[in-house]
């Protein structure tokens, strides 16, 4: 949406919502505590990414789809860059 393609952005939001139905994982207190310690180990990650990482770890997830290249520097995570997906056709 930030590149001036609002309608395409709304469609992507809607499709993403359907894909993620019943797949959204909650953030627990222990994840926030873990994020604090992970910040020391991975100072290059943003606060948002530092929350994603402990949730992933708690659920045994090792793959994330994100444009955030910081995850490339974490050995236990495989990042899939969304730019590698075929262009969305409306």
PDB file of N, CA and C in Angstrom:
ATOM      1  N   UNK A   1       0.818  -1.187   0.000  1.00  0.00           N
ATOM      2  CA  UNK A   1       0.000   0.000   0.000  1.00  0.00           C
ATOM      3  C   UNK A   1       0.867   1.259   0.000  1.00  0.00           C
ATOM      4  N   UNK A   2       2.067   1.151   0.576  1.00  0.00           N
ATOM      5  CA  UNK A   2       2.928   2.329   0.668  1.00  0.00           C
ATOM      6  C   UNK A   2       3.484   2.751  -0.694  1.00  0.00           C
ATOM      7  N   UNK A   3       3.304   1.935  -1.713  1.00  0.00           N
ATOM      8  CA  UNK A   3       3.787   2.311  -3.048  1.00  0.00           C
ATOM      9  C   UNK A   3       2.643   2.777  -3.943  1.00  0.00           C
ATOM     10  N   UNK A   4       1.516   3.135  -3.311  1.00  0.00           N
ATOM     11  CA  UNK A   4       0.410   3.714  -4.060  1.00  0.00           C
ATOM     12  C   UNK A   4      -0.507   2.708  -4.741  1.00  0.00           C
ATOM     13  N   UNK A   5      -0.474   1.476  -4.314  1.00  0.00           N
ATOM     14  CA  UNK A   5      -1.334   0.451  -4.904  1.00  0.00           C
ATOM     15  C   UNK A   5      -2.308  -0.048  -3.847  1.00  0.00           C
ATOM     16  N   UNK A   6      -3.186   0.850  -3.411  1.00  0.00           N
ATOM     17  CA  UNK A   6      -4.090   0.562  -2.291  1.00  0.00           C
ATOM     18  C   UNK A   6      -5.009  -0.626  -2.568  1.00  0.00           C
ATOM     19  N   UNK A   7      -5.622  -0.675  -3.722  1.00  0.00           N
ATOM     20  CA  UNK A   7      -6.567  -1.771  -4.007  1.00  0.00           C
ATOM     21  C   UNK A   7      -5.844  -3.115  -4.005  1.00  0.00           C
ATOM     22  N   UNK A   8      -4.678  -3.158  -4.601  1.00  0.00           N
ATOM     23  CA  UNK A   8      -3.871  -4.379  -4.578  1.00  0.00           C
ATOM     24  C   UNK A   8      -3.509  -4.735  -3.145  1.00  0.00           C
ATOM     25  N   UNK A   9      -3.164  -3.719  -2.348  1.00  0.00           N
ATOM     26  CA  UNK A   9      -2.833  -3.934  -0.942  1.00  0.00           C
ATOM     27  C   UNK A   9      -4.004  -4.509  -0.165  1.00  0.00           C
ATOM     28  N   UNK A  10      -5.211  -3.977  -0.394  1.00  0.00           N
ATOM     29  CA  UNK A  10      -6.396  -4.503   0.291  1.00  0.00           C
ATOM     30  C   UNK A  10      -6.653  -5.953  -0.100  1.00  0.00           C
ATOM     31  N   UNK A  11      -6.454  -6.268  -1.368  1.00  0.00           N
ATOM     32  CA  UNK A  11      -6.641  -7.650  -1.827  1.00  0.00           C
ATOM     33  C   UNK A  11      -5.636  -8.571  -1.154  1.00  0.00           C
ATOM     34  N   UNK A  12      -4.401  -8.115  -1.047  1.00  0.00           N
ATOM     35  CA  UNK A  12      -3.370  -8.926  -0.389  1.00  0.00           C
ATOM     36  C   UNK A  12      -3.707  -9.121   1.086  1.00  0.00           C
ATOM     37  N   UNK A  13      -4.154  -8.060   1.762  1.00  0.00           N
ATOM     38  CA  UNK A  13      -4.594  -8.185   3.159  1.00  0.00           C
ATOM     39  C   UNK A  13      -5.667  -9.260   3.285  1.00  0.00           C
ATOM     40  N   UNK A  14      -6.658  -9.203   2.407  1.00  0.00           N
ATOM     41  CA  UNK A  14      -7.770 -10.155   2.469  1.00  0.00           C
ATOM     42  C   UNK A  14      -7.289 -11.585   2.243  1.00  0.00           C
ATOM     43  N   UNK A  15      -6.446 -11.773   1.241  1.00  0.00           N
ATOM     44  CA  UNK A  15      -5.926 -13.112   0.958  1.00  0.00           C
ATOM     45  C   UNK A  15      -5.043 -13.613   2.097  1.00  0.00           C
ATOM     46  N   UNK A  16      -4.214 -12.737   2.633  1.00  0.00           N
ATOM     47  CA  UNK A  16      -3.355 -13.105   3.751  1.00  0.00           C
ATOM     48  C   UNK A  16      -4.195 -13.528   4.949  1.00  0.00           C
ATOM     49  N   UNK A  17      -5.260 -12.796   5.212  1.00  0.00           N
ATOM     50  CA  UNK A  17      -6.160 -13.152   6.307  1.00  0.00           C
ATOM     51  C   UNK A  17      -6.717 -14.551   6.155  1.00  0.00           C
ATOM     52  N   UNK A  18      -7.062 -14.920   4.940  1.00  0.00           N
ATOM     53  CA  UNK A  18      -7.584 -16.271   4.696  1.00  0.00           C
ATOM     54  C   UNK A  18      -6.495 -17.323   4.883  1.00  0.00           C
ATOM     55  N   UNK A  19      -5.309 -17.044   4.387  1.00  0.00           N
ATOM     56  CA  UNK A  19      -4.203 -17.997   4.529  1.00  0.00           C
ATOM     57  C   UNK A  19      -3.863 -18.207   5.999  1.00  0.00           C
ATOM     58  N   UNK A  20      -3.934 -17.140   6.797  1.00  0.00           N
ATOM     59  CA  UNK A  20      -3.520 -17.211   8.195  1.00  0.00           C
ATOM     60  C   UNK A  20      -4.638 -17.640   9.151  1.00  0.00           C
ATOM     61  N   UNK A  21      -5.830 -17.849   8.654  1.00  0.00           N
ATOM     62  CA  UNK A  21      -6.933 -18.257   9.535  1.00  0.00           C
ATOM     63  C   UNK A  21      -6.519 -19.485  10.333  1.00  0.00           C
ATOM     64  N   UNK A  22      -6.671 -19.416  11.631  1.00  0.00           N
ATOM     65  CA  UNK A  22      -6.337 -20.491  12.568  1.00  0.00           C
ATOM     66  C   UNK A  22      -4.842 -20.817  12.612  1.00  0.00           C
ATOM     67  N   UNK A  23      -4.006 -19.931  12.102  1.00  0.00           N
ATOM     68  CA  UNK A  23      -2.558 -20.167  12.105  1.00  0.00           C
ATOM     69  C   UNK A  23      -1.781 -19.087  12.831  1.00  0.00           C
ATOM     70  N   UNK A  24      -2.443 -18.142  13.419  1.00  0.00           N
ATOM     71  CA  UNK A  24      -1.753 -17.045  14.092  1.00  0.00           C
ATOM     72  C   UNK A  24      -1.405 -17.490  15.509  1.00  0.00           C
ATOM     73  N   UNK A  25      -0.145 -17.384  15.842  1.00  0.00           N
ATOM     74  CA  UNK A  25       0.354 -17.835  17.135  1.00  0.00           C
ATOM     75  C   UNK A  25       0.388 -16.667  18.112  1.00  0.00           C
ATOM     76  N   UNK A  26       0.019 -16.940  19.331  1.00  0.00           N
ATOM     77  CA  UNK A  26       0.002 -15.883  20.336  1.00  0.00           C
ATOM     78  C   UNK A  26       1.403 -15.620  20.874  1.00  0.00           C
ATOM     79  N   UNK A  27       1.572 -14.418  21.386  1.00  0.00           N
ATOM     80  CA  UNK A  27       2.807 -14.027  22.065  1.00  0.00           C
ATOM     81  C   UNK A  27       2.560 -14.193  23.554  1.00  0.00           C
ATOM     82  N   UNK A  28       3.431 -14.927  24.203  1.00  0.00           N
ATOM     83  CA  UNK A  28       3.302 -15.151  25.642  1.00  0.00           C
ATOM     84  C   UNK A  28       4.350 -14.323  26.394  1.00  0.00           C
ATOM     85  N   UNK A  29       4.123 -14.196  27.664  1.00  0.00           N
ATOM     86  CA  UNK A  29       5.052 -13.447  28.517  1.00  0.00           C
ATOM     87  C   UNK A  29       6.476 -13.960  28.354  1.00  0.00           C
ATOM     88  N   UNK A  30       6.630 -15.264  28.328  1.00  0.00           N
ATOM     89  CA  UNK A  30       7.980 -15.834  28.220  1.00  0.00           C
ATOM     90  C   UNK A  30       8.645 -15.470  26.894  1.00  0.00           C
ATOM     91  N   UNK A  31       7.845 -15.217  25.850  1.00  0.00           N
ATOM     92  CA  UNK A  31       8.415 -14.783  24.573  1.00  0.00           C
ATOM     93  C   UNK A  31       9.011 -13.387  24.705  1.00  0.00           C
ATOM     94  N   UNK A  32       8.290 -12.511  25.407  1.00  0.00           N
ATOM     95  CA  UNK A  32       8.802 -11.158  25.632  1.00  0.00           C
ATOM     96  C   UNK A  32      10.087 -11.203  26.452  1.00  0.00           C
ATOM     97  N   UNK A  33      10.124 -12.061  27.465  1.00  0.00           N
ATOM     98  CA  UNK A  33      11.342 -12.215  28.268  1.00  0.00           C
ATOM     99  C   UNK A  33      12.482 -12.764  27.418  1.00  0.00           C
ATOM    100  N   UNK A  34      12.204 -13.749  26.592  1.00  0.00           N
ATOM    101  CA  UNK A  34      13.232 -14.316  25.717  1.00  0.00           C
ATOM    102  C   UNK A  34      13.747 -13.280  24.727  1.00  0.00           C
ATOM    103  N   UNK A  35      12.835 -12.441  24.225  1.00  0.00           N
ATOM    104  CA  UNK A  35      13.228 -11.413  23.260  1.00  0.00           C
ATOM    105  C   UNK A  35      14.283 -10.493  23.857  1.00  0.00           C
ATOM    106  N   UNK A  36      14.145 -10.221  25.121  1.00  0.00           N
ATOM    107  CA  UNK A  36      15.128  -9.357  25.797  1.00  0.00           C
ATOM    108  C   UNK A  36      16.525  -9.972  25.736  1.00  0.00           C
ATOM    109  N   UNK A  37      16.622 -11.242  25.995  1.00  0.00           N
ATOM    110  CA  UNK A  37      17.927 -11.913  25.964  1.00  0.00           C
ATOM    111  C   UNK A  37      18.425 -12.121  24.537  1.00  0.00           C
ATOM    112  N   UNK A  38      17.499 -12.384  23.629  1.00  0.00           N
ATOM    113  CA  UNK A  38      17.889 -12.542  22.227  1.00  0.00           C
ATOM    114  C   UNK A  38      18.405 -11.237  21.638  1.00  0.00           C
ATOM    115  N   UNK A  39      17.959 -10.101  22.175  1.00  0.00           N
ATOM    116  CA  UNK A  39      18.427  -8.795  21.709  1.00  0.00           C
ATOM    117  C   UNK A  39      19.933  -8.649  21.899  1.00  0.00           C
ATOM    118  N   UNK A  40      20.457  -9.267  22.943  1.00  0.00           N
ATOM    119  CA  UNK A  40      21.909  -9.231  23.161  1.00  0.00           C
ATOM    120  C   UNK A  40      22.643 -10.101  22.150  1.00  0.00           C
ATOM    121  N   UNK A  41      22.053 -11.232  21.827  1.00  0.00           N
ATOM    122  CA  UNK A  41      22.674 -12.176  20.893  1.00  0.00           C
ATOM    123  C   UNK A  41      22.527 -11.718  19.441  1.00  0.00           C
ATOM    124  N   UNK A  42      21.419 -11.055  19.129  1.00  0.00           N
ATOM    125  CA  UNK A  42      21.113 -10.634  17.758  1.00  0.00           C
ATOM    126  C   UNK A  42      20.787  -9.139  17.731  1.00  0.00           C
ATOM    127  N   UNK A  43      21.763  -8.273  17.996  1.00  0.00           N
ATOM    128  CA  UNK A  43      21.489  -6.839  18.080  1.00  0.00           C
ATOM    129  C   UNK A  43      21.022  -6.215  16.765  1.00  0.00           C
ATOM    130  N   UNK A  44      21.166  -6.932  15.671  1.00  0.00           N
ATOM    131  CA  UNK A  44      20.780  -6.426  14.357  1.00  0.00           C
ATOM    132  C   UNK A  44      19.292  -6.629  14.063  1.00  0.00           C
ATOM    133  N   UNK A  45      18.587  -7.391  14.920  1.00  0.00           N
ATOM    134  CA  UNK A  45      17.153  -7.608  14.704  1.00  0.00           C
ATOM    135  C   UNK A  45      16.342  -6.460  15.288  1.00  0.00           C
ATOM    136  N   UNK A  46      15.249  -6.147  14.619  1.00  0.00           N
ATOM    137  CA  UNK A  46      14.336  -5.113  15.119  1.00  0.00           C
ATOM    138  C   UNK A  46      13.556  -5.676  16.305  1.00  0.00           C
ATOM    139  N   UNK A  47      12.971  -4.815  17.130  1.00  0.00           N
ATOM    140  CA  UNK A  47      12.149  -5.309  18.244  1.00  0.00           C
ATOM    141  C   UNK A  47      11.038  -6.252  17.783  1.00  0.00           C
ATOM    142  N   UNK A  48      10.415  -5.939  16.660  1.00  0.00           N
ATOM    143  CA  UNK A  48       9.352  -6.814  16.144  1.00  0.00           C
ATOM    144  C   UNK A  48       9.907  -8.197  15.793  1.00  0.00           C
ATOM    145  N   UNK A  49      11.062  -8.230  15.140  1.00  0.00           N
ATOM    146  CA  UNK A  49      11.676  -9.516  14.803  1.00  0.00           C
ATOM    147  C   UNK A  49      12.108 -10.277  16.046  1.00  0.00           C
ATOM    148  N   UNK A  50      12.516  -9.537  17.067  1.00  0.00           N
ATOM    149  CA  UNK A  50      12.924 -10.179  18.320  1.00  0.00           C
ATOM    150  C   UNK A  50      11.743 -10.806  19.046  1.00  0.00           C
ATOM    151  N   UNK A  51      10.536 -10.409  18.732  1.00  0.00           N
ATOM    152  CA  UNK A  51       9.345 -11.089  19.264  1.00  0.00           C
ATOM    153  C   UNK A  51       9.014 -12.307  18.415  1.00  0.00           C
ATOM    154  N   UNK A  52       9.141 -12.177  17.101  1.00  0.00           N
ATOM    155  CA  UNK A  52       8.860 -13.316  16.215  1.00  0.00           C
ATOM    156  C   UNK A  52       9.751 -14.517  16.541  1.00  0.00           C
ATOM    157  N   UNK A  53      11.023 -14.250  16.773  1.00  0.00           N
ATOM    158  CA  UNK A  53      11.984 -15.334  16.967  1.00  0.00           C
ATOM    159  C   UNK A  53      11.649 -16.247  18.150  1.00  0.00           C
ATOM    160  N   UNK A  54      11.374 -15.757  19.344  1.00  0.00           N
ATOM    161  CA  UNK A  54      11.048 -16.688  20.427  1.00  0.00           C
ATOM    162  C   UNK A  54       9.720 -17.425  20.222  1.00  0.00           C
ATOM    163  N   UNK A  55       8.763 -16.790  19.556  1.00  0.00           N
ATOM    164  CA  UNK A  55       7.508 -17.494  19.247  1.00  0.00           C
ATOM    165  C   UNK A  55       7.810 -18.655  18.302  1.00  0.00           C
ATOM    166  N   UNK A  56       8.636 -18.401  17.306  1.00  0.00           N
ATOM    167  CA  UNK A  56       9.044 -19.467  16.389  1.00  0.00           C
ATOM    168  C   UNK A  56       9.745 -20.593  17.142  1.00  0.00           C
ATOM    169  N   UNK A  57      10.674 -20.218  18.002  1.00  0.00           N
ATOM    170  CA  UNK A  57      11.447 -21.213  18.740  1.00  0.00           C
ATOM    171  C   UNK A  57      10.540 -22.060  19.637  1.00  0.00           C
ATOM    172  N   UNK A  58       9.595 -21.408  20.291  1.00  0.00           N
ATOM    173  CA  UNK A  58       8.694 -22.124  21.195  1.00  0.00           C
ATOM    174  C   UNK A  58       7.851 -23.152  20.442  1.00  0.00           C
ATOM    175  N   UNK A  59       7.536 -22.862  19.200  1.00  0.00           N
ATOM    176  CA  UNK A  59       6.701 -23.762  18.400  1.00  0.00           C
ATOM    177  C   UNK A  59       7.517 -24.671  17.481  1.00  0.00           C
ATOM    178  N   UNK A  60       8.836 -24.601  17.569  1.00  0.00           N
ATOM    179  CA  UNK A  60       9.682 -25.464  16.745  1.00  0.00           C
ATOM    180  C   UNK A  60       9.683 -25.088  15.274  1.00  0.00           C
ATOM    181  N   UNK A  61       9.406 -23.829  14.972  1.00  0.00           N
ATOM    182  CA  UNK A  61       9.375 -23.364  13.584  1.00  0.00           C
ATOM    183  C   UNK A  61      10.757 -22.861  13.182  1.00  0.00           C
ATOM    184  N   UNK A  62      11.169 -23.194  11.987  1.00  0.00           N
ATOM    185  CA  UNK A  62      12.498 -22.799  11.528  1.00  0.00           C
ATOM    186  C   UNK A  62      12.470 -21.989  10.236  1.00  0.00           C
ATOM    187  N   UNK A  63      11.311 -21.791   9.648  1.00  0.00           N
ATOM    188  CA  UNK A  63      11.198 -21.059   8.389  1.00  0.00           C
ATOM    189  C   UNK A  63      10.254 -19.881   8.567  1.00  0.00           C
ATOM    190  N   UNK A  64      10.653 -18.743   8.011  1.00  0.00           N
ATOM    191  CA  UNK A  64       9.813 -17.550   8.071  1.00  0.00           C
ATOM    192  C   UNK A  64       9.816 -16.882   6.694  1.00  0.00           C
ATOM    193  N   UNK A  65       8.662 -16.399   6.286  1.00  0.00           N
ATOM    194  CA  UNK A  65       8.557 -15.616   5.060  1.00  0.00           C
ATOM    195  C   UNK A  65       8.548 -14.156   5.458  1.00  0.00           C
ATOM    196  N   UNK A  66       9.603 -13.458   5.093  1.00  0.00           N
ATOM    197  CA  UNK A  66       9.750 -12.047   5.454  1.00  0.00           C
ATOM    198  C   UNK A  66      10.788 -11.391   4.558  1.00  0.00           C
ATOM    199  N   UNK A  67      10.637 -10.092   4.385  1.00  0.00           N
ATOM    200  CA  UNK A  67      11.646  -9.323   3.665  1.00  0.00           C
ATOM    201  C   UNK A  67      12.784  -8.892   4.587  1.00  0.00           C
ATOM    202  N   UNK A  68      12.649  -9.147   5.878  1.00  0.00           N
ATOM    203  CA  UNK A  68      13.655  -8.740   6.857  1.00  0.00           C
ATOM    204  C   UNK A  68      14.895  -9.629   6.751  1.00  0.00           C
ATOM    205  N   UNK A  69      15.926  -9.113   6.100  1.00  0.00           N
ATOM    206  CA  UNK A  69      17.140  -9.889   5.842  1.00  0.00           C
ATOM    207  C   UNK A  69      17.930 -10.197   7.103  1.00  0.00           C
ATOM    208  N   UNK A  70      17.607  -9.567   8.222  1.00  0.00           N
ATOM    209  CA  UNK A  70      18.294  -9.876   9.467  1.00  0.00           C
ATOM    210  C   UNK A  70      18.187 -11.344   9.834  1.00  0.00           C
ATOM    211  N   UNK A  71      17.089 -11.970   9.455  1.00  0.00           N
ATOM    212  CA  UNK A  71      16.914 -13.394   9.757  1.00  0.00           C
ATOM    213  C   UNK A  71      17.933 -14.268   9.028  1.00  0.00           C
ATOM    214  N   UNK A  72      18.524 -13.762   7.940  1.00  0.00           N
ATOM    215  CA  UNK A  72      19.543 -14.527   7.218  1.00  0.00           C
ATOM    216  C   UNK A  72      20.782 -14.777   8.078  1.00  0.00           C
ATOM    217  N   UNK A  73      20.954 -13.969   9.089  1.00  0.00           N
ATOM    218  CA  UNK A  73      22.140 -14.078   9.942  1.00  0.00           C
ATOM    219  C   UNK A  73      21.917 -14.986  11.154  1.00  0.00           C
ATOM    220  N   UNK A  74      20.768 -15.641  11.195  1.00  0.00           N
ATOM    221  CA  UNK A  74      20.452 -16.531  12.311  1.00  0.00           C
ATOM    222  C   UNK A  74      20.479 -17.969  11.782  1.00  0.00           C
ATOM    223  N   UNK A  75      21.416 -18.756  12.290  1.00  0.00           N
ATOM    224  CA  UNK A  75      21.632 -20.107  11.768  1.00  0.00           C
ATOM    225  C   UNK A  75      20.408 -21.009  11.854  1.00  0.00           C
ATOM    226  N   UNK A  76      19.587 -20.843  12.874  1.00  0.00           N
ATOM    227  CA  UNK A  76      18.462 -21.761  13.069  1.00  0.00           C
ATOM    228  C   UNK A  76      17.218 -21.374  12.266  1.00  0.00           C
ATOM    229  N   UNK A  77      17.318 -20.278  11.494  1.00  0.00           N
ATOM    230  CA  UNK A  77      16.159 -19.787  10.739  1.00  0.00           C
ATOM    231  C   UNK A  77      16.458 -19.800   9.249  1.00  0.00           C
ATOM    232  N   UNK A  78      15.490 -20.301   8.490  1.00  0.00           N
ATOM    233  CA  UNK A  78      15.554 -20.200   7.030  1.00  0.00           C
ATOM    234  C   UNK A  78      14.541 -19.135   6.633  1.00  0.00           C
ATOM    235  N   UNK A  79      15.008 -18.109   5.916  1.00  0.00           N
ATOM    236  CA  UNK A  79      14.126 -17.031   5.485  1.00  0.00           C
ATOM    237  C   UNK A  79      13.723 -17.211   4.034  1.00  0.00           C
ATOM    238  N   UNK A  80      12.446 -17.045   3.766  1.00  0.00           N
ATOM    239  CA  UNK A  80      11.940 -17.020   2.395  1.00  0.00           C
ATOM    240  C   UNK A  80      11.559 -15.571   2.111  1.00  0.00           C
ATOM    241  N   UNK A  81      12.203 -14.990   1.134  1.00  0.00           N
ATOM    242  CA  UNK A  81      11.928 -13.602   0.773  1.00  0.00           C
ATOM    243  C   UNK A  81      10.677 -13.554  -0.100  1.00  0.00           C
ATOM    244  N   UNK A  82       9.672 -12.774   0.306  1.00  0.00           N
ATOM    245  CA  UNK A  82       8.442 -12.719  -0.490  1.00  0.00           C
ATOM    246  C   UNK A  82       8.665 -12.176  -1.898  1.00  0.00           C
ATOM    247  N   UNK A  83       9.774 -11.474  -2.124  1.00  0.00           N
ATOM    248  CA  UNK A  83      10.043 -10.991  -3.485  1.00  0.00           C
ATOM    249  C   UNK A  83      10.330 -12.134  -4.447  1.00  0.00           C
ATOM    250  N   UNK A  84      10.570 -13.318  -3.906  1.00  0.00           N
ATOM    251  CA  UNK A  84      10.830 -14.489  -4.745  1.00  0.00           C
ATOM    252  C   UNK A  84       9.535 -15.139  -5.261  1.00  0.00           C
ATOM    253  N   UNK A  85       8.400 -14.711  -4.716  1.00  0.00           N
ATOM    254  CA  UNK A  85       7.115 -15.240  -5.171  1.00  0.00           C
ATOM    255  C   UNK A  85       6.761 -14.603  -6.510  1.00  0.00           C
ATOM    256  N   UNK A  86       6.029 -15.333  -7.328  1.00  0.00           N
ATOM    257  CA  UNK A  86       5.577 -14.712  -8.587  1.00  0.00           C
ATOM    258  C   UNK A  86       4.732 -13.467  -8.286  1.00  0.00           C
ATOM    259  N   UNK A  87       4.810 -12.503  -9.161  1.00  0.00           N
ATOM    260  CA  UNK A  87       4.027 -11.273  -8.964  1.00  0.00           C
ATOM    261  C   UNK A  87       2.568 -11.602  -8.798  1.00  0.00           C
ATOM    262  N   UNK A  88       1.934 -10.909  -7.871  1.00  0.00           N
ATOM    263  CA  UNK A  88       0.512 -11.078  -7.627  1.00  0.00           C
ATOM    264  C   UNK A  88      -0.258 -10.530  -8.820  1.00  0.00           C
ATOM    265  N   UNK A  89      -1.153 -11.315  -9.356  1.00  0.00           N
ATOM    266  CA  UNK A  89      -1.979 -10.889 -10.492  1.00  0.00           C
ATOM    267  C   UNK A  89      -3.391 -10.675 -10.011  1.00  0.00           C
ATOM    268  N   UNK A  90      -3.930  -9.487 -10.192  1.00  0.00           N
ATOM    269  CA  UNK A  90      -5.308  -9.223  -9.759  1.00  0.00           C
ATOM    270  C   UNK A  90      -6.288  -9.422 -10.889  1.00  0.00           C
TER     271      UNK A  90
END
